Protein backbone atom coordinates (compact mmCIF):
# COMPACT_ATOMS: atom_id res chain seq x y z
CA UNK A 1 -47.06 -23.89 8.03
CA UNK A 2 -45.42 -26.88 6.33
CA UNK A 3 -45.78 -25.09 2.99
CA UNK A 4 -43.99 -22.00 4.30
CA UNK A 5 -41.13 -24.10 5.69
CA UNK A 6 -40.86 -25.93 2.37
CA UNK A 7 -40.68 -22.64 0.45
CA UNK A 8 -37.96 -21.34 2.80
CA UNK A 9 -35.94 -24.55 2.37
CA UNK A 10 -36.27 -24.37 -1.42
CA UNK A 11 -35.20 -20.71 -1.48
CA UNK A 12 -32.24 -21.53 0.77
CA UNK A 13 -31.17 -24.36 -1.55
CA UNK A 14 -31.50 -22.15 -4.63
CA UNK A 15 -29.44 -19.34 -3.05
CA UNK A 16 -26.82 -21.82 -1.81
CA UNK A 17 -26.48 -23.40 -5.24
CA UNK A 18 -26.27 -19.98 -6.87
CA UNK A 19 -23.49 -18.87 -4.51
CA UNK A 20 -21.66 -22.16 -5.14
CA UNK A 21 -22.02 -21.65 -8.90
CA UNK A 22 -20.64 -18.09 -8.70
CA UNK A 23 -17.69 -19.27 -6.57
CA UNK A 24 -16.93 -22.05 -9.05
CA UNK A 25 -17.06 -19.59 -11.97
CA UNK A 26 -14.63 -17.27 -10.19
CA UNK A 27 -12.27 -20.17 -9.41
CA UNK A 28 -12.35 -21.38 -13.03
CA UNK A 29 -11.67 -17.85 -14.28
CA UNK A 30 -8.71 -17.40 -11.90
CA UNK A 31 -7.23 -20.81 -12.79
CA UNK A 32 -7.54 -20.09 -16.51
CA UNK A 33 -5.95 -16.68 -16.04
CA UNK A 34 -3.04 -18.19 -14.07
CA UNK A 35 -2.52 -20.91 -16.69
CA UNK A 36 -2.58 -18.37 -19.52
CA UNK A 37 -0.15 -16.10 -17.65
CA UNK A 38 2.25 -19.00 -17.04
CA UNK A 39 2.11 -20.10 -20.69
CA UNK A 40 2.58 -16.53 -21.87
CA UNK A 41 5.66 -16.02 -19.67
CA UNK A 42 7.16 -19.35 -20.84
CA UNK A 43 6.62 -18.55 -24.52
CA UNK A 44 8.06 -15.05 -24.10
CA UNK A 45 11.19 -16.55 -22.50
CA UNK A 46 11.51 -19.12 -25.33
CA UNK A 47 11.07 -16.45 -28.01
CA UNK A 48 13.64 -14.16 -26.38
CA UNK A 49 16.11 -17.04 -26.20
CA UNK A 50 15.58 -17.97 -29.86
CA UNK A 51 15.76 -14.34 -31.01
CA UNK A 52 19.06 -13.96 -29.16
CA UNK A 53 20.36 -17.18 -30.77
CA UNK A 54 19.42 -15.89 -34.25
CA UNK A 55 21.16 -12.56 -33.67
CA UNK A 56 24.37 -14.18 -32.38
CA UNK A 57 24.59 -16.70 -35.23
CA UNK A 58 23.92 -14.04 -37.86
CA UNK A 59 26.69 -11.92 -36.39
CA UNK A 60 29.06 -14.95 -36.42
CA UNK A 61 28.25 -15.74 -40.06
CA UNK A 62 26.41 -18.98 -39.28
CA UNK A 63 23.48 -18.21 -41.60
CA UNK A 64 22.05 -21.76 -41.91
CA UNK A 65 21.74 -22.27 -38.17
CA UNK A 66 20.24 -18.78 -37.76
CA UNK A 67 17.72 -19.45 -40.55
CA UNK A 68 16.65 -22.75 -38.98
CA UNK A 69 16.04 -21.21 -35.56
CA UNK A 70 14.27 -18.24 -37.13
CA UNK A 71 11.67 -20.59 -38.63
CA UNK A 72 11.11 -22.14 -35.20
CA UNK A 73 10.78 -18.64 -33.72
CA UNK A 74 8.22 -17.58 -36.34
CA UNK A 75 6.13 -20.70 -35.68
CA UNK A 76 6.09 -20.03 -31.94
CA UNK A 77 5.14 -16.40 -32.58
CA UNK A 78 2.23 -17.50 -34.81
CA UNK A 79 0.89 -19.88 -32.15
CA UNK A 80 1.71 -17.65 -29.17
CA UNK A 81 -0.74 -17.34 -26.29
CA UNK A 82 -2.24 -13.87 -25.96
CA UNK A 83 -1.05 -11.84 -22.99
CA UNK A 84 -3.66 -12.16 -20.21
CA UNK A 85 -5.47 -8.93 -19.53
CA UNK A 86 -4.38 -7.33 -16.29
CA UNK A 87 -7.10 -6.31 -13.85
CA UNK A 88 -7.42 -2.56 -13.52
CA UNK A 89 -9.93 -1.01 -11.09
CA UNK A 90 -12.48 1.38 -12.60
CA UNK A 91 -12.43 3.36 -9.35
CA UNK A 92 -9.27 5.38 -10.02
CA UNK A 93 -8.53 8.62 -8.17
CA UNK A 94 -5.98 10.27 -5.92
CA UNK A 95 -5.98 12.23 -2.68
CA UNK A 96 -4.29 15.62 -3.20
CA UNK A 97 -1.63 16.55 -0.63
CA UNK A 98 -0.81 19.73 1.25
CA UNK A 99 2.65 21.17 1.66
CA UNK A 100 4.58 18.97 4.10
CA UNK A 101 4.90 20.02 7.74
CA UNK A 102 7.81 19.04 10.02
CA UNK A 103 7.06 16.30 12.61
CA UNK A 104 5.39 15.83 14.92
CA UNK A 105 2.18 17.26 13.51
CA UNK A 106 -0.14 15.48 15.94
CA UNK A 107 1.53 14.63 19.27
CA UNK A 108 -0.45 13.12 22.17
CA UNK A 109 0.97 14.18 25.55
CA UNK A 110 -0.19 11.95 28.45
CA UNK A 111 -3.74 11.84 27.10
CA UNK A 112 -6.45 10.34 29.29
CA UNK A 113 -10.05 10.05 28.15
CA UNK A 114 -13.39 8.83 29.45
CA UNK A 115 -16.85 9.74 28.19
CA UNK A 116 -18.12 10.29 31.72
CA UNK A 117 -15.06 12.21 32.85
CA UNK A 118 -14.61 9.79 35.75
CA UNK A 119 -11.29 8.01 36.30
CA UNK A 120 -12.95 4.63 36.82
CA UNK A 121 -14.44 4.91 33.31
CA UNK A 122 -11.17 5.73 31.55
CA UNK A 123 -11.02 4.31 28.06
CA UNK A 124 -7.46 5.58 27.62
CA UNK A 125 -4.88 6.58 30.20
CA UNK A 126 -1.57 8.47 29.81
CA UNK A 127 -1.26 8.08 26.04
CA UNK A 128 1.92 9.55 24.57
CA UNK A 129 2.23 9.00 20.82
CA UNK A 130 2.52 10.98 17.60
CA UNK A 131 1.31 10.99 14.00
CA UNK A 132 3.14 12.74 11.16
CA UNK A 133 3.27 12.88 7.36
CA UNK A 134 5.25 9.64 7.11
CA UNK A 135 2.83 7.65 9.30
CA UNK A 136 1.08 4.63 7.78
CA UNK A 137 -0.79 3.32 10.80
CA UNK A 138 -3.50 0.69 11.17
CA UNK A 139 -5.31 0.70 14.52
CA UNK A 140 -6.51 -2.74 15.67
CA UNK A 141 -8.06 -4.18 18.80
CA UNK A 142 -11.16 -5.85 20.17
CA UNK A 143 -14.58 -4.38 19.47
CA UNK A 144 -15.35 -1.63 21.98
CA UNK A 145 -11.70 -1.01 22.88
CA UNK A 146 -11.88 2.57 21.60
CA UNK A 147 -10.47 2.59 18.05
CA UNK A 148 -13.03 5.07 16.74
CA UNK A 149 -12.66 7.11 19.93
CA UNK A 150 -8.93 7.41 19.29
CA UNK A 151 -9.68 8.66 15.77
CA UNK A 152 -12.06 11.27 17.22
CA UNK A 153 -9.35 12.45 19.60
CA UNK A 154 -7.07 12.85 16.58
CA UNK A 155 -9.66 14.78 14.59
CA UNK A 156 -10.61 17.05 17.49
CA UNK A 157 -14.18 15.78 17.70
CA UNK A 158 -13.40 14.75 21.28
CA UNK A 159 -11.19 16.50 23.83
CA UNK A 160 -9.00 14.63 26.33
CA UNK A 161 -10.14 14.37 29.95
CA UNK A 162 -6.49 15.04 30.85
CA UNK A 163 -3.35 15.70 28.86
CA UNK A 164 -3.33 17.29 25.41
CA UNK A 165 -3.33 16.68 21.66
CA UNK A 166 -1.23 19.49 20.17
CA UNK A 167 -2.26 19.40 16.51
CA UNK A 168 -0.10 21.58 14.25
CA UNK A 169 -2.07 24.80 13.49
CA UNK A 170 -1.52 24.41 9.73
CA UNK A 171 -2.42 20.72 9.57
CA UNK A 172 -5.33 19.87 7.26
CA UNK A 173 -7.14 16.65 8.05
CA UNK A 174 -9.44 14.60 5.83
CA UNK A 175 -11.66 12.08 7.55
CA UNK A 176 -13.91 9.27 6.40
CA UNK A 177 -16.08 7.55 9.02
CA UNK A 178 -19.11 5.29 9.12
CA UNK A 179 -21.55 8.20 9.15
CA UNK A 180 -19.86 10.32 6.48
CA UNK A 181 -22.67 9.72 3.99
CA UNK A 182 -25.09 11.59 6.25
CA UNK A 183 -23.78 14.89 4.85
CA UNK A 184 -25.20 14.04 1.43
CA UNK A 185 -28.37 15.78 0.20
CA UNK A 186 -30.52 12.83 -0.84
CA UNK A 187 -32.87 14.98 -2.95
CA UNK A 188 -30.10 16.62 -5.00
CA UNK A 189 -28.52 15.07 -8.08
CA UNK A 190 -24.89 14.01 -7.82
CA UNK A 191 -23.81 16.63 -10.36
CA UNK A 192 -25.66 19.54 -8.78
CA UNK A 193 -24.65 18.55 -5.27
CA UNK A 194 -20.93 18.49 -6.09
CA UNK A 195 -21.05 21.73 -8.09
CA UNK A 196 -22.84 23.41 -5.18
CA UNK A 197 -20.44 22.03 -2.56
CA UNK A 198 -17.35 23.03 -4.55
CA UNK A 199 -18.08 26.21 -6.54
CA UNK A 200 -15.42 27.05 -9.12
CA UNK A 201 -14.48 30.39 -7.53
CA UNK A 202 -13.47 28.69 -4.25
CA UNK A 203 -11.31 25.95 -5.74
CA UNK A 204 -7.55 26.16 -5.35
CA UNK A 205 -6.39 23.04 -7.21
CA UNK A 206 -5.71 23.52 -10.93
CA UNK A 207 -6.59 19.95 -11.88
CA UNK A 208 -9.98 19.88 -10.15
CA UNK A 209 -13.24 20.33 -12.13
CA UNK A 210 -14.82 23.74 -12.62
CA UNK A 211 -17.11 23.42 -15.65
CA UNK A 212 -20.03 21.01 -15.89
CA UNK A 213 -18.19 18.96 -18.52
CA UNK A 214 -15.14 18.67 -16.25
CA UNK A 215 -17.38 17.62 -13.37
CA UNK A 216 -18.89 14.86 -15.50
CA UNK A 217 -15.43 13.53 -16.29
CA UNK A 218 -14.37 13.75 -12.64
CA UNK A 219 -17.44 11.88 -11.37
CA UNK A 220 -16.96 9.20 -14.03
CA UNK A 221 -13.62 8.29 -12.40
CA UNK A 222 -15.59 7.40 -9.27
CA UNK A 223 -17.82 5.02 -11.23
CA UNK A 224 -20.83 7.27 -11.86
CA UNK A 225 -22.43 6.98 -15.30
CA UNK A 226 -23.87 10.01 -17.13
CA UNK A 227 -27.38 8.91 -16.14
CA UNK A 228 -26.47 8.42 -12.48
CA UNK A 229 -24.89 11.88 -12.30
CA UNK A 230 -28.28 13.48 -12.98
CA UNK A 231 -30.23 11.15 -10.67
CA UNK A 232 -31.10 11.90 -7.01
CA UNK A 233 -28.46 10.81 -4.50
CA UNK A 234 -31.20 9.03 -2.56
CA UNK A 235 -31.37 6.40 -5.32
CA UNK A 236 -27.73 5.40 -4.84
CA UNK A 237 -26.65 2.24 -3.03
CA UNK A 238 -24.63 2.53 0.20
CA UNK A 239 -21.46 1.71 -1.73
CA UNK A 240 -22.14 4.42 -4.32
CA UNK A 241 -22.78 6.96 -1.55
CA UNK A 242 -19.39 6.03 -0.05
CA UNK A 243 -17.78 6.60 -3.45
CA UNK A 244 -19.38 10.05 -3.57
CA UNK A 245 -17.95 10.90 -0.14
CA UNK A 246 -14.48 9.94 -1.40
CA UNK A 247 -15.10 12.18 -4.43
CA UNK A 248 -15.71 15.01 -1.94
CA UNK A 249 -12.61 14.22 0.14
CA UNK A 250 -10.46 14.12 -3.00
CA UNK A 251 -11.49 17.69 -3.86
CA UNK A 252 -9.50 19.24 -1.02
CA UNK A 253 -5.76 18.93 -0.20
CA UNK A 254 -4.96 17.24 3.10
CA UNK A 255 -1.91 16.32 5.14
CA UNK A 256 -3.29 13.33 7.03
CA UNK A 257 -6.10 10.92 6.14
CA UNK A 258 -8.17 9.43 8.96
CA UNK A 259 -10.08 6.44 7.58
CA UNK A 260 -12.52 4.75 9.95
CA UNK A 261 -13.97 1.58 8.36
CA UNK A 262 -13.78 2.99 4.81
CA UNK A 263 -14.56 -0.34 3.06
CA UNK A 264 -17.79 -1.26 4.85
CA UNK A 265 -20.03 -0.70 1.81
CA UNK A 266 -17.48 -0.82 -1.00
CA UNK A 267 -17.28 -3.60 -3.59
CA UNK A 268 -13.97 -5.27 -4.49
CA UNK A 269 -13.34 -2.88 -7.38
CA UNK A 270 -13.78 0.16 -5.13
CA UNK A 271 -11.59 -1.34 -2.38
CA UNK A 272 -8.82 -1.92 -4.95
CA UNK A 273 -9.13 1.69 -6.16
CA UNK A 274 -9.10 3.04 -2.61
CA UNK A 275 -5.98 1.01 -1.79
CA UNK A 276 -4.16 2.47 -4.80
CA UNK A 277 -5.22 6.01 -3.86
CA UNK A 278 -4.00 5.57 -0.27
CA UNK A 279 -0.69 4.03 -1.42
CA UNK A 280 0.00 6.95 -3.76
CA UNK A 281 -0.92 9.57 -1.14
CA UNK A 282 2.18 11.40 0.11
CA UNK A 283 0.77 12.42 3.50
CA UNK A 284 0.06 10.47 6.69
CA UNK A 285 -2.60 7.76 6.99
CA UNK A 286 -4.37 6.38 10.06
CA UNK A 287 -6.71 3.49 9.32
CA UNK A 288 -9.30 1.49 11.24
CA UNK A 289 -10.63 -1.44 9.23
CA UNK A 290 -11.77 -5.03 9.49
CA UNK A 291 -10.47 -5.52 5.95
CA UNK A 292 -7.04 -7.02 6.69
CA UNK A 293 -6.24 -7.10 2.95
CA UNK A 294 -6.45 -3.31 2.82
CA UNK A 295 -4.34 -2.97 5.97
CA UNK A 296 -1.75 -5.34 4.49
CA UNK A 297 -1.47 -3.12 1.40
CA UNK A 298 -1.32 0.36 2.94
CA UNK A 299 -0.04 0.15 6.55
CA UNK A 300 3.56 -0.27 7.71
CA UNK A 301 2.80 0.13 11.41
CA UNK A 302 0.18 -1.61 13.58
CA UNK A 303 -1.12 0.05 16.75
CA UNK A 304 -2.90 -2.28 19.18
CA UNK A 305 -5.49 -0.79 21.54
CA UNK A 306 -5.79 -2.72 24.80
CA UNK A 307 -5.71 -2.25 28.59
CA UNK A 308 -6.44 1.51 28.36
CA UNK A 309 -3.36 2.05 26.23
CA UNK A 310 -2.00 1.92 22.69
CA UNK A 311 1.17 0.04 21.83
CA UNK A 312 2.98 -0.76 18.63
CA UNK A 313 2.39 -4.36 17.57
CA UNK A 314 5.66 -6.02 16.62
CA UNK A 315 4.71 -7.85 13.45
CA UNK A 316 2.52 -7.61 10.38
CA UNK A 317 -1.26 -7.63 10.16
CA UNK A 318 -0.97 -11.28 9.09
CA UNK A 319 0.85 -12.07 12.34
CA UNK A 320 -1.91 -10.30 14.27
CA UNK A 321 -4.56 -12.26 12.36
CA UNK A 322 -2.84 -15.55 13.28
CA UNK A 323 -2.83 -14.54 16.96
CA UNK A 324 -6.56 -13.75 16.78
CA UNK A 325 -7.24 -17.13 15.15
CA UNK A 326 -5.36 -18.94 17.94
CA UNK A 327 -7.33 -17.03 20.60
CA UNK A 328 -10.62 -17.92 18.91
CA UNK A 329 -9.61 -21.57 18.74
CA UNK A 330 -8.66 -21.53 22.42
CA UNK A 331 -12.07 -20.05 23.31
CA UNK A 332 -13.83 -22.79 21.35
CA UNK A 333 -11.88 -25.47 23.22
CA UNK A 334 -12.80 -23.89 26.59
CA UNK A 335 -16.50 -23.88 25.70
CA UNK A 336 -16.57 -27.60 24.87
């Protein structure tokens, strides 16, 4: 028994030291990058100033002064710091849009909902709100308050107990949720699965893949190597399966994106790529996420679910995070 405990302690120490080492490496890399960027900007400013001085003095006939400064400029250029490489996500794609529809495209009219149908179990009561093509909404609230339920009312997966959700008849929705990967055929290869799901004769977008070669290029933008494309989907990690679902969503035009915890299994590179895709999307977006960094990048409106209702939170997601932190601190004080 003592031996087992000792092994566990040793493993814990090794893992802890490894994590600390990785964190230190990342910090050193970031600090070096920041220093290099600062030095590069300073040298560029100095060179621009000297180049301007040389031009002015040449134009004014002051050749000696211009020649002197030119030598200084050439020396700085020879010793110049290289421009730091900008980070670019490998997960680069876009969500195609439908033709815009006039607002409101998804109005809620006095919507009440409970899973049991009983008034005493109401999760929502008398909701009146609307989503349109200009919406950039993040839904927040305590666990169990009904964020995912609200998304299901929007998508039509659930019907109100009372009231109505009058979705525009021509609205096309795209939805990602925590169980989206369950539609994948784990025995099929990525390439065959996508070509079967989206046969060339049914595709309406000109810039979407039709031939096998085009499909290979398309899947590569989602981070799938040539070898992975011909491997069974069942061998993929959870994050790679999520990427494949986004590859499916990006095949069809949509007017509103409903994203329910889209970053749960994604790595930092994929989250960065998803954020860029959402920001460039010209339709509406409704997001539920615990990733406040993503919310901060893509949402301009915060909806807070509480007390059987939904209200607009007056402030940014950072303000909301500060309020949560204060509440948590207050709870800790009460428990002491």
